[in-house]
Amino acid sequence: MAHLSITPAAASQIRQVLDERGHGLGLRVSVKPSGCSGYSYVLDFADETGGDDVTFEEHGVAVYVAPEALDMLDGSEVDYVSEGLNRFFRFNNPNVKDQCGCGESFTV
């Protein structure tokens, strides 16, 4: 069975954005062919469950993963980081074999 973990920082950010939006169930994650390395992460907020989505819950929030992305995301950690003026979700993904120099796409 696939596993995905959510850090407290990521959970806090997901909760904050959902509160600001006033609705939503959690974060939806998928991947798409893109970039110079092969795939990129696609993030959106889940306002309803997709019939095939796999749900991971931790720290009071849910992350919904598209079934076609499960193999690529299995064992990943969703984090939320601040680097200088930038704040973003980071995926610590053990399946990544290589990524482009800018970090926008990856190969599994």
N, C-alpha and C. Protein backbone atom coordinates (compact mmCIF):
# COMPACT_ATOMS: atom_id res chain seq x y z
N MET A 1 0.84 -1.19 0.00
CA MET A 1 0.00 0.00 0.00
C MET A 1 0.89 1.25 0.00
N ALA A 2 0.53 2.21 -0.79
CA ALA A 2 1.30 3.45 -0.91
C ALA A 2 1.23 4.27 0.37
N HIS A 3 2.30 5.05 0.59
CA HIS A 3 2.36 5.89 1.77
C HIS A 3 2.83 7.29 1.38
N LEU A 4 2.23 8.28 2.00
CA LEU A 4 2.62 9.68 1.82
C LEU A 4 2.47 10.34 3.18
N SER A 5 3.50 11.09 3.61
CA SER A 5 3.42 11.75 4.90
C SER A 5 3.33 13.27 4.71
N ILE A 6 2.77 13.92 5.70
CA ILE A 6 2.55 15.37 5.68
C ILE A 6 3.23 15.94 6.91
N THR A 7 4.13 16.90 6.71
CA THR A 7 4.81 17.52 7.85
C THR A 7 3.85 18.47 8.57
N PRO A 8 4.13 18.78 9.82
CA PRO A 8 3.30 19.77 10.52
C PRO A 8 3.27 21.13 9.79
N ALA A 9 4.39 21.53 9.18
CA ALA A 9 4.42 22.81 8.45
C ALA A 9 3.49 22.77 7.24
N ALA A 10 3.49 21.66 6.51
CA ALA A 10 2.59 21.53 5.36
C ALA A 10 1.14 21.50 5.82
N ALA A 11 0.87 20.78 6.89
CA ALA A 11 -0.50 20.70 7.41
C ALA A 11 -0.99 22.08 7.83
N SER A 12 -0.14 22.84 8.48
CA SER A 12 -0.52 24.19 8.91
C SER A 12 -0.85 25.08 7.71
N GLN A 13 -0.05 24.99 6.65
CA GLN A 13 -0.30 25.81 5.45
C GLN A 13 -1.58 25.37 4.75
N ILE A 14 -1.79 24.07 4.62
CA ILE A 14 -3.02 23.58 3.99
C ILE A 14 -4.23 24.07 4.77
N ARG A 15 -4.18 23.96 6.09
CA ARG A 15 -5.29 24.39 6.95
C ARG A 15 -5.53 25.89 6.79
N GLN A 16 -4.46 26.68 6.78
CA GLN A 16 -4.57 28.13 6.65
C GLN A 16 -5.23 28.53 5.33
N VAL A 17 -4.79 27.92 4.24
CA VAL A 17 -5.37 28.27 2.94
C VAL A 17 -6.83 27.84 2.85
N LEU A 18 -7.14 26.66 3.37
CA LEU A 18 -8.53 26.22 3.36
C LEU A 18 -9.40 27.15 4.19
N ASP A 19 -8.88 27.61 5.33
CA ASP A 19 -9.64 28.56 6.16
C ASP A 19 -9.85 29.87 5.42
N GLU A 20 -8.82 30.36 4.73
CA GLU A 20 -8.95 31.60 3.96
C GLU A 20 -9.94 31.45 2.82
N ARG A 21 -9.93 30.29 2.17
CA ARG A 21 -10.87 30.02 1.06
C ARG A 21 -12.30 29.89 1.58
N GLY A 22 -12.41 29.39 2.81
CA GLY A 22 -13.73 29.18 3.39
C GLY A 22 -14.37 27.86 3.00
N HIS A 23 -13.69 27.05 2.25
CA HIS A 23 -14.20 25.73 1.87
C HIS A 23 -13.05 24.87 1.34
N GLY A 24 -13.31 23.61 1.17
CA GLY A 24 -12.33 22.67 0.64
C GLY A 24 -12.07 21.54 1.61
N LEU A 25 -11.65 20.41 1.05
CA LEU A 25 -11.40 19.21 1.84
C LEU A 25 -9.93 19.01 2.15
N GLY A 26 -9.06 19.49 1.27
CA GLY A 26 -7.63 19.28 1.46
C GLY A 26 -6.87 19.64 0.21
N LEU A 27 -5.64 19.17 0.13
CA LEU A 27 -4.76 19.40 -1.00
C LEU A 27 -4.86 18.22 -1.95
N ARG A 28 -4.96 18.49 -3.26
CA ARG A 28 -4.96 17.44 -4.28
C ARG A 28 -3.62 17.48 -4.99
N VAL A 29 -2.98 16.32 -5.12
CA VAL A 29 -1.67 16.20 -5.76
C VAL A 29 -1.74 15.19 -6.89
N SER A 30 -1.17 15.57 -8.01
CA SER A 30 -0.99 14.65 -9.12
C SER A 30 0.31 15.02 -9.81
N VAL A 31 0.65 14.29 -10.86
CA VAL A 31 1.83 14.60 -11.66
C VAL A 31 1.41 14.65 -13.11
N LYS A 32 2.19 15.38 -13.90
CA LYS A 32 1.92 15.44 -15.34
C LYS A 32 3.25 15.45 -16.08
N PRO A 33 3.25 14.91 -17.30
CA PRO A 33 4.46 15.01 -18.11
C PRO A 33 4.75 16.49 -18.37
N SER A 34 5.99 16.90 -18.07
CA SER A 34 6.30 18.31 -18.21
C SER A 34 7.78 18.55 -17.99
N GLY A 35 8.25 19.69 -18.43
CA GLY A 35 9.60 20.14 -18.13
C GLY A 35 10.67 19.35 -18.86
N CYS A 36 11.88 19.67 -18.52
CA CYS A 36 13.03 19.05 -19.20
C CYS A 36 13.39 17.69 -18.62
N SER A 37 12.87 17.33 -17.47
CA SER A 37 13.23 16.05 -16.84
C SER A 37 12.14 15.00 -16.91
N GLY A 38 10.94 15.34 -17.28
CA GLY A 38 9.93 14.31 -17.45
C GLY A 38 8.59 14.57 -16.80
N TYR A 39 8.54 14.90 -15.50
CA TYR A 39 7.28 15.09 -14.79
C TYR A 39 7.35 16.32 -13.89
N SER A 40 6.19 16.87 -13.59
CA SER A 40 6.12 17.93 -12.59
C SER A 40 4.91 17.66 -11.70
N TYR A 41 4.98 18.19 -10.49
CA TYR A 41 3.88 18.05 -9.55
C TYR A 41 2.78 19.03 -9.92
N VAL A 42 1.54 18.60 -9.74
CA VAL A 42 0.38 19.46 -9.95
C VAL A 42 -0.36 19.55 -8.63
N LEU A 43 -0.50 20.77 -8.10
CA LEU A 43 -1.18 20.98 -6.83
C LEU A 43 -2.45 21.78 -7.05
N ASP A 44 -3.49 21.37 -6.36
CA ASP A 44 -4.76 22.08 -6.38
C ASP A 44 -5.43 21.80 -5.04
N PHE A 45 -6.49 22.50 -4.78
CA PHE A 45 -7.24 22.21 -3.57
C PHE A 45 -8.44 21.37 -3.93
N ALA A 46 -8.68 20.34 -3.14
CA ALA A 46 -9.79 19.42 -3.37
C ALA A 46 -11.05 19.99 -2.73
N ASP A 47 -12.03 20.29 -3.56
CA ASP A 47 -13.32 20.75 -3.05
C ASP A 47 -14.31 19.61 -2.94
N GLU A 48 -13.98 18.51 -3.60
CA GLU A 48 -14.77 17.28 -3.48
C GLU A 48 -13.82 16.12 -3.75
N THR A 49 -14.20 14.94 -3.32
CA THR A 49 -13.33 13.79 -3.53
C THR A 49 -13.51 13.28 -4.95
N GLY A 50 -12.38 12.93 -5.55
CA GLY A 50 -12.43 12.24 -6.84
C GLY A 50 -12.68 10.78 -6.55
N GLY A 51 -13.46 10.13 -7.35
CA GLY A 51 -13.85 8.75 -7.09
C GLY A 51 -12.69 7.80 -6.85
N ASP A 52 -11.56 8.02 -7.56
CA ASP A 52 -10.43 7.11 -7.45
C ASP A 52 -9.30 7.65 -6.59
N ASP A 53 -9.43 8.88 -6.09
CA ASP A 53 -8.35 9.47 -5.30
C ASP A 53 -8.04 8.62 -4.07
N VAL A 54 -6.76 8.58 -3.72
CA VAL A 54 -6.33 7.92 -2.49
C VAL A 54 -6.06 9.04 -1.48
N THR A 55 -6.62 8.91 -0.29
CA THR A 55 -6.54 9.96 0.71
C THR A 55 -5.54 9.60 1.80
N PHE A 56 -4.68 10.58 2.11
CA PHE A 56 -3.72 10.45 3.20
C PHE A 56 -4.03 11.55 4.20
N GLU A 57 -4.20 11.19 5.47
CA GLU A 57 -4.54 12.17 6.50
C GLU A 57 -3.49 12.15 7.59
N GLU A 58 -3.09 13.36 7.98
CA GLU A 58 -2.11 13.50 9.04
C GLU A 58 -2.19 14.93 9.57
N HIS A 59 -2.02 15.11 10.86
CA HIS A 59 -2.05 16.43 11.50
C HIS A 59 -3.34 17.20 11.20
N GLY A 60 -4.44 16.47 11.07
CA GLY A 60 -5.74 17.10 10.89
C GLY A 60 -6.06 17.60 9.50
N VAL A 61 -5.24 17.24 8.49
CA VAL A 61 -5.52 17.64 7.10
C VAL A 61 -5.44 16.42 6.19
N ALA A 62 -6.00 16.57 5.01
CA ALA A 62 -6.00 15.48 4.04
C ALA A 62 -5.29 15.90 2.76
N VAL A 63 -4.57 14.93 2.18
CA VAL A 63 -3.97 15.10 0.85
C VAL A 63 -4.55 14.00 -0.02
N TYR A 64 -5.11 14.42 -1.16
CA TYR A 64 -5.74 13.50 -2.10
C TYR A 64 -4.78 13.30 -3.27
N VAL A 65 -4.49 12.03 -3.59
CA VAL A 65 -3.53 11.72 -4.65
C VAL A 65 -4.24 10.98 -5.77
N ALA A 66 -4.03 11.45 -6.98
CA ALA A 66 -4.58 10.77 -8.15
C ALA A 66 -3.94 9.39 -8.27
N PRO A 67 -4.73 8.36 -8.60
CA PRO A 67 -4.20 7.00 -8.62
C PRO A 67 -3.02 6.81 -9.56
N GLU A 68 -3.00 7.52 -10.68
CA GLU A 68 -1.90 7.37 -11.63
C GLU A 68 -0.59 7.96 -11.10
N ALA A 69 -0.65 8.74 -10.02
CA ALA A 69 0.54 9.33 -9.44
C ALA A 69 1.06 8.54 -8.24
N LEU A 70 0.34 7.54 -7.78
CA LEU A 70 0.71 6.82 -6.56
C LEU A 70 2.11 6.20 -6.63
N ASP A 71 2.44 5.53 -7.72
CA ASP A 71 3.75 4.90 -7.81
C ASP A 71 4.87 5.93 -7.74
N MET A 72 4.67 7.07 -8.36
CA MET A 72 5.70 8.11 -8.38
C MET A 72 5.82 8.83 -7.04
N LEU A 73 4.74 8.88 -6.25
CA LEU A 73 4.73 9.61 -4.99
C LEU A 73 4.88 8.72 -3.76
N ASP A 74 4.86 7.41 -3.95
CA ASP A 74 4.93 6.50 -2.81
C ASP A 74 6.16 6.76 -1.96
N GLY A 75 5.97 6.93 -0.67
CA GLY A 75 7.05 7.18 0.27
C GLY A 75 7.44 8.64 0.40
N SER A 76 6.75 9.52 -0.31
CA SER A 76 7.09 10.95 -0.29
C SER A 76 6.62 11.63 0.98
N GLU A 77 7.26 12.74 1.27
CA GLU A 77 6.88 13.62 2.36
C GLU A 77 6.51 14.97 1.75
N VAL A 78 5.32 15.47 2.09
CA VAL A 78 4.90 16.80 1.67
C VAL A 78 5.31 17.77 2.78
N ASP A 79 6.10 18.77 2.42
CA ASP A 79 6.58 19.74 3.39
C ASP A 79 6.24 21.14 2.87
N TYR A 80 6.29 22.12 3.75
CA TYR A 80 6.12 23.52 3.36
C TYR A 80 7.30 24.26 3.92
N VAL A 81 8.06 24.92 3.03
CA VAL A 81 9.32 25.53 3.44
C VAL A 81 9.37 27.00 3.07
N SER A 82 10.22 27.72 3.79
CA SER A 82 10.53 29.12 3.49
C SER A 82 12.01 29.19 3.18
N GLU A 83 12.32 29.73 2.01
CA GLU A 83 13.71 29.95 1.63
C GLU A 83 13.83 31.39 1.16
N GLY A 84 14.41 32.23 1.98
CA GLY A 84 14.46 33.65 1.66
C GLY A 84 13.05 34.22 1.61
N LEU A 85 12.71 34.83 0.51
CA LEU A 85 11.36 35.39 0.33
C LEU A 85 10.38 34.38 -0.24
N ASN A 86 10.86 33.19 -0.61
CA ASN A 86 10.01 32.19 -1.24
C ASN A 86 9.44 31.22 -0.21
N ARG A 87 8.17 30.90 -0.40
CA ARG A 87 7.50 29.88 0.42
C ARG A 87 6.78 28.95 -0.53
N PHE A 88 6.94 27.63 -0.30
CA PHE A 88 6.36 26.69 -1.25
C PHE A 88 6.27 25.29 -0.64
N PHE A 89 5.40 24.47 -1.25
CA PHE A 89 5.33 23.06 -0.89
C PHE A 89 6.52 22.36 -1.54
N ARG A 90 7.19 21.52 -0.77
CA ARG A 90 8.32 20.74 -1.28
C ARG A 90 7.98 19.27 -1.10
N PHE A 91 8.31 18.50 -2.11
CA PHE A 91 8.12 17.05 -2.04
C PHE A 91 9.48 16.40 -1.85
N ASN A 92 9.64 15.74 -0.73
CA ASN A 92 10.83 14.94 -0.48
C ASN A 92 10.48 13.53 -0.95
N ASN A 93 10.83 13.27 -2.21
CA ASN A 93 10.36 12.08 -2.91
C ASN A 93 11.52 11.12 -3.13
N PRO A 94 11.50 9.94 -2.47
CA PRO A 94 12.60 8.99 -2.62
C PRO A 94 12.65 8.34 -3.99
N ASN A 95 11.61 8.50 -4.80
CA ASN A 95 11.56 7.88 -6.12
C ASN A 95 12.24 8.70 -7.20
N VAL A 96 12.58 9.95 -6.91
CA VAL A 96 13.18 10.82 -7.91
C VAL A 96 14.60 10.37 -8.19
N LYS A 97 14.89 10.12 -9.46
CA LYS A 97 16.23 9.71 -9.89
C LYS A 97 17.06 10.91 -10.33
N ASP A 98 16.38 11.94 -10.86
CA ASP A 98 17.06 13.13 -11.34
C ASP A 98 16.03 14.25 -11.43
N GLN A 99 16.50 15.49 -11.37
CA GLN A 99 15.60 16.62 -11.57
C GLN A 99 16.33 17.70 -12.33
N CYS A 100 15.57 18.57 -12.95
CA CYS A 100 16.19 19.64 -13.73
C CYS A 100 16.84 20.65 -12.78
N GLY A 101 17.70 21.48 -13.31
CA GLY A 101 18.45 22.44 -12.51
C GLY A 101 17.58 23.40 -11.74
N CYS A 102 16.42 23.77 -12.30
CA CYS A 102 15.55 24.73 -11.62
C CYS A 102 14.63 24.04 -10.62
N GLY A 103 14.59 22.71 -10.61
CA GLY A 103 13.77 21.97 -9.66
C GLY A 103 12.30 21.88 -10.02
N GLU A 104 11.94 22.27 -11.23
CA GLU A 104 10.53 22.26 -11.64
C GLU A 104 10.05 20.91 -12.13
N SER A 105 10.97 20.06 -12.59
CA SER A 105 10.54 18.75 -13.09
C SER A 105 11.51 17.67 -12.60
N PHE A 106 11.07 16.43 -12.69
CA PHE A 106 11.84 15.30 -12.16
C PHE A 106 11.65 14.06 -13.01
N THR A 107 12.56 13.10 -12.81
CA THR A 107 12.51 11.80 -13.46
C THR A 107 12.41 10.74 -12.39
N VAL A 108 11.60 9.72 -12.64
CA VAL A 108 11.50 8.58 -11.71
C VAL A 108 12.02 7.34 -12.38
